[in-house]
N, C-alpha and C. Protein backbone atom coordinates (compact mmCIF):
# COMPACT_ATOMS: atom_id res chain seq x y z
N MET A 1 21.58 32.51 -14.97
CA MET A 1 21.39 33.43 -16.00
C MET A 1 20.60 32.93 -17.15
N PRO A 2 19.58 33.53 -17.51
CA PRO A 2 18.77 32.85 -18.64
C PRO A 2 19.54 32.86 -19.92
N LEU A 3 19.27 31.78 -20.61
CA LEU A 3 20.04 31.60 -21.91
C LEU A 3 19.40 32.56 -22.98
N ASP A 4 20.33 33.21 -23.76
CA ASP A 4 19.87 34.17 -24.80
C ASP A 4 19.60 33.33 -26.03
N THR A 5 18.28 32.92 -26.14
CA THR A 5 17.95 32.09 -27.30
C THR A 5 17.94 32.86 -28.55
N ASN A 6 18.13 34.16 -28.64
CA ASN A 6 18.10 34.91 -29.80
C ASN A 6 19.43 35.16 -30.38
N LEU A 7 20.52 34.79 -29.66
CA LEU A 7 21.83 35.07 -30.04
C LEU A 7 22.14 34.44 -31.39
N SER A 8 21.92 32.98 -31.57
CA SER A 8 22.26 32.33 -32.82
C SER A 8 21.45 33.05 -33.89
N PHE A 9 20.22 33.34 -33.62
CA PHE A 9 19.34 34.02 -34.70
C PHE A 9 19.93 35.35 -35.15
N ARG A 10 20.39 36.06 -34.25
CA ARG A 10 21.06 37.47 -34.52
C ARG A 10 22.29 37.22 -35.40
N GLN A 11 23.11 36.23 -34.88
CA GLN A 11 24.32 35.95 -35.66
C GLN A 11 24.06 35.55 -37.13
N GLU A 12 23.08 34.69 -37.30
CA GLU A 12 22.79 34.29 -38.67
C GLU A 12 22.23 35.35 -39.46
N SER A 13 21.38 36.21 -38.99
CA SER A 13 20.69 37.33 -39.55
C SER A 13 21.86 38.35 -40.00
N ARG A 14 22.78 38.48 -39.12
CA ARG A 14 23.97 39.40 -39.39
C ARG A 14 24.76 38.93 -40.51
N LYS A 15 24.87 37.60 -40.67
CA LYS A 15 25.73 37.03 -41.79
C LYS A 15 24.87 37.26 -43.03
N ARG A 16 23.64 37.03 -43.03
CA ARG A 16 22.86 37.35 -44.28
C ARG A 16 22.93 38.78 -44.73
N GLU A 17 22.71 39.57 -43.76
CA GLU A 17 22.85 41.01 -44.10
C GLU A 17 24.15 41.52 -44.63
N THR A 18 25.16 40.99 -44.27
CA THR A 18 26.46 41.34 -44.67
C THR A 18 27.07 40.46 -45.85
N GLN A 19 26.32 39.47 -46.32
CA GLN A 19 26.92 38.52 -47.18
C GLN A 19 27.00 39.25 -48.63
N PRO A 20 28.07 38.73 -49.33
CA PRO A 20 28.19 39.36 -50.70
C PRO A 20 27.23 38.84 -51.62
N ILE A 21 26.76 39.64 -52.54
CA ILE A 21 25.89 39.27 -53.68
C ILE A 21 26.54 39.53 -54.98
N PHE A 22 26.51 38.59 -55.95
CA PHE A 22 27.09 38.79 -57.22
C PHE A 22 26.14 39.18 -58.27
N LEU A 23 26.38 40.30 -58.99
CA LEU A 23 25.46 40.70 -59.95
C LEU A 23 26.10 40.67 -61.35
N TYR A 24 25.34 40.23 -62.32
CA TYR A 24 26.01 39.95 -63.67
C TYR A 24 25.29 40.82 -64.70
N THR A 25 26.11 41.33 -65.56
CA THR A 25 25.51 42.19 -66.64
C THR A 25 26.19 41.70 -68.03
N VAL A 26 25.37 41.66 -69.13
CA VAL A 26 25.88 41.46 -70.38
C VAL A 26 25.40 42.75 -71.20
N TYR A 27 26.30 43.57 -71.64
CA TYR A 27 26.05 44.80 -72.21
C TYR A 27 25.67 44.74 -73.75
N ASP A 28 24.67 45.56 -74.08
CA ASP A 28 24.22 45.78 -75.44
C ASP A 28 24.16 44.32 -76.25
N TYR A 29 23.36 43.46 -75.53
CA TYR A 29 23.43 42.11 -76.17
C TYR A 29 22.64 42.07 -77.53
N LYS A 30 21.76 42.99 -77.79
CA LYS A 30 21.07 43.08 -79.15
C LYS A 30 21.71 44.01 -80.11
N GLY A 31 22.64 44.65 -79.73
CA GLY A 31 23.26 45.75 -80.58
C GLY A 31 22.37 47.02 -80.63
N THR A 32 21.51 47.16 -79.63
CA THR A 32 20.50 48.32 -79.56
C THR A 32 20.67 49.07 -78.27
N GLY A 33 21.75 48.67 -77.44
CA GLY A 33 21.95 49.39 -76.23
C GLY A 33 21.24 48.81 -75.00
N GLU A 34 20.51 47.63 -75.23
CA GLU A 34 19.89 46.98 -74.05
C GLU A 34 20.81 45.99 -73.38
N ASN A 35 20.73 45.91 -72.00
CA ASN A 35 21.70 45.03 -71.30
C ASN A 35 20.80 43.99 -70.63
N LEU A 36 21.51 42.84 -70.35
CA LEU A 36 20.90 41.78 -69.53
C LEU A 36 21.39 41.94 -68.03
N TYR A 37 20.58 41.88 -67.09
CA TYR A 37 20.90 41.89 -65.68
C TYR A 37 20.44 40.73 -64.90
N TYR A 38 21.38 40.00 -64.29
CA TYR A 38 20.97 38.86 -63.44
C TYR A 38 21.68 38.90 -62.09
N ALA A 39 21.10 38.44 -61.09
CA ALA A 39 21.59 38.38 -59.75
C ALA A 39 21.67 36.91 -59.28
N GLY A 40 22.80 36.52 -58.76
CA GLY A 40 23.06 35.17 -58.30
C GLY A 40 22.57 35.21 -56.79
N TYR A 41 21.23 35.29 -56.61
CA TYR A 41 20.64 35.51 -55.21
C TYR A 41 19.29 34.89 -55.31
N ASP A 42 18.61 34.73 -54.11
CA ASP A 42 17.36 34.13 -54.00
C ASP A 42 16.20 35.17 -54.26
N THR A 43 16.50 36.48 -54.37
CA THR A 43 15.44 37.41 -54.81
C THR A 43 15.91 38.29 -55.80
N ASN A 44 15.13 39.07 -56.44
CA ASN A 44 15.67 40.20 -57.35
C ASN A 44 16.40 41.12 -56.47
N VAL A 45 17.30 41.77 -57.15
CA VAL A 45 18.25 42.81 -56.28
C VAL A 45 18.26 44.08 -57.16
N THR A 46 17.89 45.24 -56.39
CA THR A 46 18.09 46.44 -57.05
C THR A 46 19.26 47.21 -56.50
N PHE A 47 20.16 47.64 -57.40
CA PHE A 47 21.39 48.29 -56.93
C PHE A 47 21.67 49.39 -57.96
N ASP A 48 21.96 50.59 -57.43
CA ASP A 48 22.26 51.65 -58.19
C ASP A 48 21.17 51.94 -59.32
N GLY A 49 19.89 51.84 -58.93
CA GLY A 49 18.76 52.08 -59.65
C GLY A 49 18.45 51.03 -60.74
N ILE A 50 19.21 49.96 -60.79
CA ILE A 50 19.00 48.87 -61.72
C ILE A 50 18.52 47.58 -61.05
N GLU A 51 17.49 46.93 -61.61
CA GLU A 51 17.04 45.70 -61.04
C GLU A 51 17.62 44.45 -61.62
N TYR A 52 18.22 43.65 -60.91
CA TYR A 52 18.83 42.45 -61.45
C TYR A 52 17.93 41.27 -61.09
N LEU A 53 17.61 40.47 -61.98
CA LEU A 53 16.66 39.34 -61.80
C LEU A 53 17.35 38.18 -61.23
N LYS A 54 16.63 37.57 -60.22
CA LYS A 54 17.27 36.38 -59.63
C LYS A 54 17.28 35.23 -60.64
N PHE A 55 18.48 34.59 -60.68
CA PHE A 55 18.57 33.53 -61.66
C PHE A 55 19.73 32.57 -61.18
N PRO A 56 19.62 31.37 -61.59
CA PRO A 56 20.70 30.40 -61.09
C PRO A 56 21.99 30.64 -61.91
N ILE A 57 22.89 31.49 -61.38
CA ILE A 57 24.05 31.82 -62.08
C ILE A 57 25.24 31.90 -61.11
N SER A 58 26.43 31.63 -61.63
CA SER A 58 27.62 31.50 -60.76
C SER A 58 28.85 31.66 -61.69
N HIS A 59 29.97 31.88 -61.05
CA HIS A 59 31.14 31.98 -61.85
C HIS A 59 32.41 31.33 -61.15
N SER A 60 33.40 30.89 -61.85
CA SER A 60 34.60 30.24 -61.39
C SER A 60 35.34 31.29 -60.64
N ASP A 61 36.31 30.80 -59.87
CA ASP A 61 37.11 31.81 -59.09
C ASP A 61 37.89 32.70 -59.99
N ILE A 62 38.05 33.90 -59.50
CA ILE A 62 38.77 34.92 -60.27
C ILE A 62 40.21 34.93 -59.71
N THR A 63 41.14 34.35 -60.39
CA THR A 63 42.53 34.17 -59.81
C THR A 63 43.54 34.69 -60.82
N GLU A 64 44.78 34.94 -60.29
CA GLU A 64 45.86 35.39 -61.12
C GLU A 64 46.78 34.13 -61.42
N ASN A 65 47.37 34.26 -62.76
CA ASN A 65 48.26 33.18 -63.04
C ASN A 65 49.71 33.66 -62.61
N VAL A 66 50.73 32.93 -62.94
CA VAL A 66 52.08 33.05 -62.56
C VAL A 66 52.48 34.38 -63.20
N LYS A 67 51.97 35.03 -64.26
CA LYS A 67 52.43 36.27 -64.95
C LYS A 67 51.69 37.34 -64.32
N GLY A 68 50.85 37.17 -63.24
CA GLY A 68 50.10 38.24 -62.68
C GLY A 68 48.85 38.65 -63.41
N GLU A 69 48.47 37.89 -64.41
CA GLU A 69 47.36 38.12 -65.21
C GLU A 69 46.15 37.37 -64.70
N ILE A 70 44.97 37.92 -64.83
CA ILE A 70 43.73 37.20 -64.29
C ILE A 70 43.48 36.11 -65.33
N ASP A 71 43.28 34.91 -64.90
CA ASP A 71 42.93 33.78 -65.70
C ASP A 71 41.52 33.86 -66.25
N ASN A 72 41.22 32.97 -67.19
CA ASN A 72 39.87 32.92 -67.81
C ASN A 72 38.92 32.70 -66.78
N VAL A 73 37.78 33.38 -66.89
CA VAL A 73 36.72 33.26 -65.89
C VAL A 73 35.46 32.70 -66.60
N LYS A 74 34.91 31.64 -66.06
CA LYS A 74 33.72 31.02 -66.55
C LYS A 74 32.44 31.39 -65.81
N VAL A 75 31.43 31.82 -66.54
CA VAL A 75 30.17 32.17 -65.98
C VAL A 75 29.22 31.07 -66.35
N GLN A 76 28.53 30.36 -65.39
CA GLN A 76 27.62 29.25 -65.64
C GLN A 76 26.22 29.80 -65.20
N ILE A 77 25.32 29.69 -66.21
CA ILE A 77 23.91 30.11 -66.04
C ILE A 77 22.94 29.05 -66.47
N SER A 78 21.87 28.83 -65.67
CA SER A 78 20.85 27.70 -65.98
C SER A 78 20.25 28.01 -67.30
N ASN A 79 20.11 26.78 -68.01
CA ASN A 79 19.45 26.86 -69.34
C ASN A 79 18.13 26.04 -69.29
N ILE A 80 17.73 25.66 -68.08
CA ILE A 80 16.58 24.82 -68.02
C ILE A 80 15.26 25.51 -68.61
N SER A 81 15.16 26.77 -68.47
CA SER A 81 14.03 27.49 -68.96
C SER A 81 14.12 27.78 -70.46
N ARG A 82 15.24 27.49 -71.02
CA ARG A 82 15.63 27.76 -72.43
C ARG A 82 15.62 29.28 -72.77
N LEU A 83 15.54 30.14 -71.63
CA LEU A 83 15.60 31.56 -71.97
C LEU A 83 16.94 32.00 -72.55
N ILE A 84 18.00 31.51 -71.93
CA ILE A 84 19.39 31.76 -72.37
C ILE A 84 19.70 31.32 -73.77
N GLU A 85 19.15 30.12 -74.06
CA GLU A 85 19.30 29.40 -75.29
C GLU A 85 18.70 30.27 -76.36
N ALA A 86 17.57 30.78 -76.07
CA ALA A 86 16.83 31.77 -77.05
C ALA A 86 17.72 33.00 -77.30
N TYR A 87 18.40 33.54 -76.30
CA TYR A 87 19.29 34.71 -76.57
C TYR A 87 20.40 34.27 -77.53
N LEU A 88 20.98 33.09 -77.30
CA LEU A 88 22.07 32.60 -78.06
C LEU A 88 21.67 32.30 -79.54
N GLN A 89 20.56 31.93 -79.74
CA GLN A 89 20.08 31.65 -81.08
C GLN A 89 19.63 32.92 -81.92
N ASN A 90 19.23 33.91 -81.12
CA ASN A 90 18.91 35.21 -81.74
C ASN A 90 19.96 36.15 -81.90
N TYR A 91 20.94 36.13 -81.04
CA TYR A 91 22.02 37.16 -80.93
C TYR A 91 23.40 36.52 -80.68
N ASP A 92 24.28 36.98 -81.40
CA ASP A 92 25.62 36.47 -81.13
C ASP A 92 26.32 37.35 -79.97
N LEU A 93 26.50 36.69 -78.85
CA LEU A 93 26.98 37.33 -77.71
C LEU A 93 28.49 37.41 -77.64
N ARG A 94 29.16 36.73 -78.62
CA ARG A 94 30.66 36.77 -78.60
C ARG A 94 31.19 38.25 -78.87
N GLY A 95 32.07 38.61 -77.97
CA GLY A 95 32.67 40.00 -78.04
C GLY A 95 31.81 41.00 -77.29
N LYS A 96 30.71 40.64 -76.75
CA LYS A 96 29.94 41.45 -75.85
C LYS A 96 30.66 41.64 -74.52
N LYS A 97 30.60 42.87 -74.04
CA LYS A 97 31.13 43.13 -72.70
C LYS A 97 30.35 42.52 -71.62
N ALA A 98 30.94 42.04 -70.64
CA ALA A 98 30.29 41.40 -69.47
C ALA A 98 30.93 41.79 -68.17
N SER A 99 30.16 41.94 -67.21
CA SER A 99 30.76 42.26 -65.93
C SER A 99 30.14 41.54 -64.76
N ILE A 100 30.95 41.46 -63.75
CA ILE A 100 30.54 40.68 -62.51
C ILE A 100 30.83 41.75 -61.39
N LYS A 101 29.68 42.14 -60.68
CA LYS A 101 29.85 43.04 -59.56
C LYS A 101 29.57 42.32 -58.29
N MET A 102 30.39 42.51 -57.26
CA MET A 102 30.10 41.91 -55.90
C MET A 102 29.68 43.05 -55.05
N VAL A 103 28.38 43.03 -54.62
CA VAL A 103 27.95 44.01 -53.60
C VAL A 103 27.63 43.29 -52.35
N TRP A 104 27.13 44.05 -51.28
CA TRP A 104 26.86 43.53 -50.06
C TRP A 104 25.33 43.71 -49.65
N ALA A 105 24.73 42.76 -49.06
CA ALA A 105 23.25 42.87 -48.84
C ALA A 105 22.94 44.00 -47.90
N ASN A 106 23.80 44.46 -47.12
CA ASN A 106 23.45 45.60 -46.23
C ASN A 106 23.91 46.97 -46.76
N LYS A 107 24.47 46.93 -48.02
CA LYS A 107 24.99 48.14 -48.64
C LYS A 107 24.37 48.44 -49.99
N LEU A 108 23.06 47.87 -50.22
CA LEU A 108 22.51 47.99 -51.54
C LEU A 108 22.03 49.42 -51.79
N ASP A 109 22.01 50.25 -50.70
CA ASP A 109 21.56 51.62 -51.03
C ASP A 109 22.84 52.51 -51.20
N ASP A 110 24.05 51.92 -51.18
CA ASP A 110 25.21 52.76 -51.44
C ASP A 110 25.83 52.42 -52.85
N PRO A 111 25.52 53.21 -53.90
CA PRO A 111 25.93 52.82 -55.22
C PRO A 111 27.50 52.83 -55.44
N ASP A 112 28.14 53.36 -54.52
CA ASP A 112 29.55 53.39 -54.57
C ASP A 112 30.31 52.24 -53.86
N CYS A 113 29.51 51.28 -53.38
CA CYS A 113 30.05 50.22 -52.52
C CYS A 113 30.07 48.89 -53.40
N TYR A 114 31.05 48.63 -54.11
CA TYR A 114 30.99 47.36 -54.94
C TYR A 114 32.54 47.11 -55.49
N ILE A 115 32.67 45.88 -55.87
CA ILE A 115 33.87 45.36 -56.63
C ILE A 115 33.39 44.90 -57.89
N GLU A 116 34.08 45.34 -58.95
CA GLU A 116 33.64 44.98 -60.29
C GLU A 116 34.80 44.41 -61.11
N PHE A 117 34.51 43.25 -61.86
CA PHE A 117 35.43 42.63 -62.78
C PHE A 117 34.79 42.70 -64.12
N SER A 118 35.34 43.25 -65.10
CA SER A 118 34.74 43.44 -66.41
C SER A 118 35.64 42.83 -67.59
N ASN A 119 34.90 42.33 -68.63
CA ASN A 119 35.73 41.77 -69.66
C ASN A 119 34.77 41.56 -70.74
N HIS A 120 35.07 40.78 -71.81
CA HIS A 120 34.29 40.45 -72.85
C HIS A 120 34.10 38.87 -73.07
N ILE A 121 32.98 38.56 -73.64
CA ILE A 121 32.74 37.12 -73.86
C ILE A 121 33.47 36.65 -75.00
N ASP A 122 34.35 35.63 -74.72
CA ASP A 122 35.20 35.04 -75.91
C ASP A 122 34.44 33.98 -76.50
N SER A 123 33.75 33.13 -75.83
CA SER A 123 32.97 32.00 -76.51
C SER A 123 32.04 31.45 -75.37
N TYR A 124 31.17 30.53 -75.81
CA TYR A 124 30.20 29.84 -74.89
C TYR A 124 29.79 28.55 -75.42
N THR A 125 29.36 27.70 -74.50
CA THR A 125 28.89 26.39 -74.79
C THR A 125 27.58 26.10 -74.15
N SER A 126 26.70 25.31 -74.64
CA SER A 126 25.41 25.20 -74.03
C SER A 126 24.92 23.74 -74.16
N ASN A 127 24.15 23.27 -73.15
CA ASN A 127 23.48 22.04 -73.25
C ASN A 127 22.06 22.23 -72.58
N VAL A 128 21.38 21.09 -72.37
CA VAL A 128 20.02 21.31 -71.88
C VAL A 128 19.91 21.84 -70.53
N SER A 129 20.96 21.85 -69.79
CA SER A 129 20.91 22.32 -68.34
C SER A 129 21.67 23.62 -68.13
N ASP A 130 22.65 23.94 -68.80
CA ASP A 130 23.45 25.03 -68.58
C ASP A 130 24.02 25.72 -69.73
N VAL A 131 24.30 26.90 -69.58
CA VAL A 131 25.15 27.80 -70.68
C VAL A 131 26.42 28.21 -69.91
N VAL A 132 27.50 28.04 -70.51
CA VAL A 132 28.84 28.41 -69.82
C VAL A 132 29.46 29.53 -70.79
N PHE A 133 29.71 30.67 -70.33
CA PHE A 133 30.35 31.76 -70.98
C PHE A 133 31.86 31.77 -70.50
N ASN A 134 32.76 31.91 -71.52
CA ASN A 134 34.11 32.00 -71.25
C ASN A 134 34.53 33.39 -71.39
N LEU A 135 35.03 34.13 -70.30
CA LEU A 135 35.56 35.47 -70.41
C LEU A 135 37.07 35.43 -70.71
N LEU A 136 37.49 36.35 -71.59
CA LEU A 136 38.87 36.40 -71.88
C LEU A 136 39.82 36.58 -70.70
N SER A 137 40.96 36.07 -70.71
CA SER A 137 41.93 36.05 -69.67
C SER A 137 42.48 37.38 -69.39
N LYS A 138 42.58 38.27 -70.33
CA LYS A 138 43.23 39.56 -70.09
C LYS A 138 42.00 40.57 -69.96
N PHE A 139 41.90 41.01 -68.71
CA PHE A 139 40.72 41.99 -68.46
C PHE A 139 41.06 43.32 -68.91
N ASP A 140 40.08 44.07 -69.41
CA ASP A 140 40.25 45.39 -69.80
C ASP A 140 40.55 46.25 -68.68
N ILE A 141 39.84 46.10 -67.58
CA ILE A 141 40.04 46.87 -66.40
C ILE A 141 39.52 46.21 -65.09
N LEU A 142 40.28 46.25 -64.06
CA LEU A 142 39.68 45.86 -62.82
C LEU A 142 39.53 46.98 -61.92
N ASN A 143 38.38 47.40 -61.61
CA ASN A 143 38.08 48.62 -60.73
C ASN A 143 37.61 48.03 -59.46
N VAL A 144 38.28 48.43 -58.36
CA VAL A 144 37.76 48.00 -57.05
C VAL A 144 37.24 49.23 -56.30
N THR A 145 36.07 49.22 -55.91
CA THR A 145 35.45 50.32 -55.34
C THR A 145 34.97 49.89 -53.89
N ILE A 146 35.34 50.60 -52.75
CA ILE A 146 34.86 50.44 -51.52
C ILE A 146 34.30 51.68 -50.97
N PRO A 147 33.45 51.81 -49.96
CA PRO A 147 32.87 52.92 -49.51
C PRO A 147 33.92 54.12 -49.32
N GLY A 148 33.68 55.16 -50.05
CA GLY A 148 34.46 56.34 -49.91
C GLY A 148 35.82 56.42 -50.71
N MET A 149 36.14 55.37 -51.41
CA MET A 149 37.37 55.43 -52.12
C MET A 149 37.30 54.60 -53.39
N VAL A 150 37.83 55.00 -54.46
CA VAL A 150 38.01 54.26 -55.68
C VAL A 150 39.46 54.14 -56.03
N TYR A 151 39.92 52.98 -56.30
CA TYR A 151 41.33 52.68 -56.56
C TYR A 151 41.67 52.70 -58.09
N LEU A 152 42.06 53.77 -58.58
CA LEU A 152 42.23 53.96 -60.05
C LEU A 152 43.59 54.49 -60.22
N ARG A 153 44.30 54.17 -61.31
CA ARG A 153 45.68 54.48 -61.47
C ARG A 153 45.79 55.98 -62.12
N GLU A 154 44.94 56.24 -63.20
CA GLU A 154 45.12 57.31 -63.95
C GLU A 154 44.14 58.51 -63.68
N TYR A 155 43.14 58.15 -62.86
CA TYR A 155 42.03 59.11 -62.61
C TYR A 155 41.94 59.51 -61.14
N CYS A 156 41.57 60.81 -61.04
CA CYS A 156 41.44 61.46 -59.67
C CYS A 156 39.96 61.30 -59.17
N GLN A 157 39.71 61.11 -58.03
CA GLN A 157 38.23 61.01 -57.40
C GLN A 157 37.79 62.41 -56.93
N TRP A 158 38.67 63.29 -56.70
CA TRP A 158 38.11 64.54 -56.11
C TRP A 158 37.32 65.29 -57.12
N LEU A 159 36.43 66.10 -56.55
CA LEU A 159 35.47 66.95 -57.24
C LEU A 159 36.36 68.23 -57.73
N PHE A 160 36.34 68.44 -59.10
CA PHE A 160 37.21 69.52 -59.61
C PHE A 160 36.77 70.82 -58.92
N ARG A 161 37.80 71.47 -58.40
CA ARG A 161 37.66 72.88 -57.70
C ARG A 161 36.97 72.65 -56.28
N GLY A 162 36.72 71.35 -55.81
CA GLY A 162 36.16 71.11 -54.58
C GLY A 162 37.20 71.37 -53.44
N GLU A 163 36.86 71.09 -52.24
CA GLU A 163 37.78 71.37 -51.16
C GLU A 163 38.99 70.55 -51.31
N GLU A 164 38.88 69.18 -51.61
CA GLU A 164 40.05 68.31 -51.67
C GLU A 164 40.90 68.62 -52.86
N CYS A 165 40.31 69.03 -53.97
CA CYS A 165 41.11 69.38 -55.13
C CYS A 165 41.76 70.59 -54.96
N SER A 166 41.15 71.71 -54.43
CA SER A 166 41.79 72.91 -54.10
C SER A 166 42.36 73.72 -55.33
N TYR A 167 41.95 73.31 -56.51
CA TYR A 167 42.38 74.10 -57.60
C TYR A 167 41.76 75.53 -57.71
N ALA A 168 42.48 76.56 -57.88
CA ALA A 168 42.02 77.88 -57.83
C ALA A 168 42.36 78.69 -59.15
N GLY A 169 42.78 77.95 -60.13
CA GLY A 169 43.25 78.78 -61.27
C GLY A 169 42.08 79.12 -62.25
N ALA A 170 42.47 79.48 -63.42
CA ALA A 170 41.38 80.02 -64.38
C ALA A 170 40.60 78.91 -65.17
N GLU A 171 41.17 77.74 -65.31
CA GLU A 171 40.53 76.74 -66.08
C GLU A 171 39.18 76.41 -65.39
N THR A 172 38.28 75.92 -66.22
CA THR A 172 36.84 75.70 -65.77
C THR A 172 36.45 74.17 -65.93
N SER A 173 37.38 73.41 -66.46
CA SER A 173 37.03 71.88 -66.64
C SER A 173 38.35 71.06 -66.46
N CYS A 174 38.01 69.86 -66.05
CA CYS A 174 39.22 68.90 -65.83
C CYS A 174 38.62 67.51 -66.15
N ASN A 175 39.35 66.69 -66.87
CA ASN A 175 38.89 65.36 -67.18
C ASN A 175 39.41 64.33 -66.07
N LYS A 176 40.04 64.90 -64.97
CA LYS A 176 40.47 64.18 -63.89
C LYS A 176 41.66 63.14 -64.17
N THR A 177 42.27 63.32 -65.29
CA THR A 177 43.37 62.35 -65.62
C THR A 177 44.73 62.92 -64.96
N TRP A 178 45.67 62.15 -64.80
CA TRP A 178 46.99 62.53 -64.23
C TRP A 178 47.64 63.60 -65.14
N GLN A 179 47.51 63.44 -66.46
CA GLN A 179 48.10 64.34 -67.41
C GLN A 179 47.55 65.69 -67.21
N ARG A 180 46.15 65.73 -67.08
CA ARG A 180 45.47 67.06 -66.95
C ARG A 180 45.87 67.72 -65.65
N CYS A 181 45.98 66.92 -64.63
CA CYS A 181 46.29 67.50 -63.35
C CYS A 181 47.76 68.12 -63.37
N LYS A 182 48.59 67.46 -64.08
CA LYS A 182 49.98 68.05 -64.29
C LYS A 182 49.97 69.45 -65.10
N GLU A 183 49.04 69.30 -66.17
CA GLU A 183 48.92 70.52 -66.91
C GLU A 183 48.42 71.75 -66.09
N LEU A 184 47.61 71.46 -65.14
CA LEU A 184 47.04 72.52 -64.29
C LEU A 184 47.88 72.81 -63.08
N GLU A 185 49.12 72.14 -63.00
CA GLU A 185 49.99 72.33 -61.96
C GLU A 185 49.36 71.99 -60.57
N ASN A 186 48.57 71.07 -60.52
CA ASN A 186 47.85 70.74 -59.29
C ASN A 186 48.10 69.22 -58.92
N SER A 187 49.18 68.59 -59.41
CA SER A 187 49.44 67.26 -59.14
C SER A 187 49.67 66.73 -57.75
N LYS A 188 49.92 67.71 -56.89
CA LYS A 188 50.16 67.42 -55.44
C LYS A 188 48.77 67.04 -54.95
N ARG A 189 47.72 67.41 -55.56
CA ARG A 189 46.36 67.08 -55.03
C ARG A 189 45.71 65.93 -55.76
N PHE A 190 46.53 65.27 -56.59
CA PHE A 190 46.02 64.12 -57.33
C PHE A 190 45.80 62.97 -56.43
N ILE A 191 44.60 62.32 -56.49
CA ILE A 191 44.35 61.15 -55.52
C ILE A 191 44.32 59.87 -56.22
N GLY A 192 44.75 59.74 -57.48
CA GLY A 192 44.91 58.59 -58.22
C GLY A 192 46.05 57.71 -57.64
N PHE A 193 46.07 56.48 -57.87
CA PHE A 193 47.15 55.47 -57.29
C PHE A 193 48.13 55.20 -58.27
N ARG A 194 49.10 56.05 -58.49
CA ARG A 194 50.13 55.89 -59.52
C ARG A 194 50.98 54.67 -59.38
N SER A 195 50.98 54.10 -58.16
CA SER A 195 51.90 52.95 -57.96
C SER A 195 51.20 51.63 -58.45
N ILE A 196 49.89 51.70 -58.77
CA ILE A 196 49.24 50.53 -59.30
C ILE A 196 49.75 50.27 -60.66
N PRO A 197 50.07 49.04 -61.06
CA PRO A 197 50.49 48.78 -62.41
C PRO A 197 49.53 49.13 -63.45
N GLY A 198 49.89 49.46 -64.60
CA GLY A 198 49.02 49.93 -65.68
C GLY A 198 47.92 48.92 -65.98
N ARG A 199 46.55 49.41 -66.09
CA ARG A 199 45.39 48.74 -66.38
C ARG A 199 45.11 47.60 -65.42
N ARG A 200 45.58 47.74 -64.20
CA ARG A 200 45.30 46.86 -63.15
C ARG A 200 44.96 47.53 -61.91
N GLY A 201 44.12 46.96 -60.93
CA GLY A 201 43.79 47.74 -59.71
C GLY A 201 43.86 46.69 -58.51
N PHE A 202 44.17 47.11 -57.42
CA PHE A 202 44.26 46.31 -56.21
C PHE A 202 43.70 47.05 -55.05
N VAL A 203 43.25 46.30 -54.06
CA VAL A 203 42.83 46.82 -52.73
C VAL A 203 43.96 46.54 -51.90
């Protein structure tokens, strides 16, 4: 039987296609609504209509402490080009919201396929080679999104008056919260995950 010399290549290609990619955003860094977008990848990455520029950037493990809280997360980004240093000198990034999204190379055309960790920059340090941002230990929210399902405690994912929602009353709007669903007496169709502890999310 001839040896399938393409097997290894196909396996490696498949690994690359399905590998996770980390996308980083610093929101409103100038105070004018502009954001910084970087990808910890070897090429620029376009996801959900936004282009993330390739850049040497990474972050520490996102882990929980003994209290069930997410520990401080450090984001390290190259300062060799002095680009990041210029941002630090011109803008105070402390308190700015920052997020880390994990997407998959073979799912970049699906804007609903990601895992996101978001928080605010507490402090940062810099030297000639790197800048390290320290994100606060208590996250505002941890939203976990996978294809077809969003795990949120207080919000419903169904389209209001859609087939899954099935609301047929007189009201014409809904903010998709648990409270609103109860007001409309449609809580049996609520698809939020009430068992998730407050302000936290899990897969």
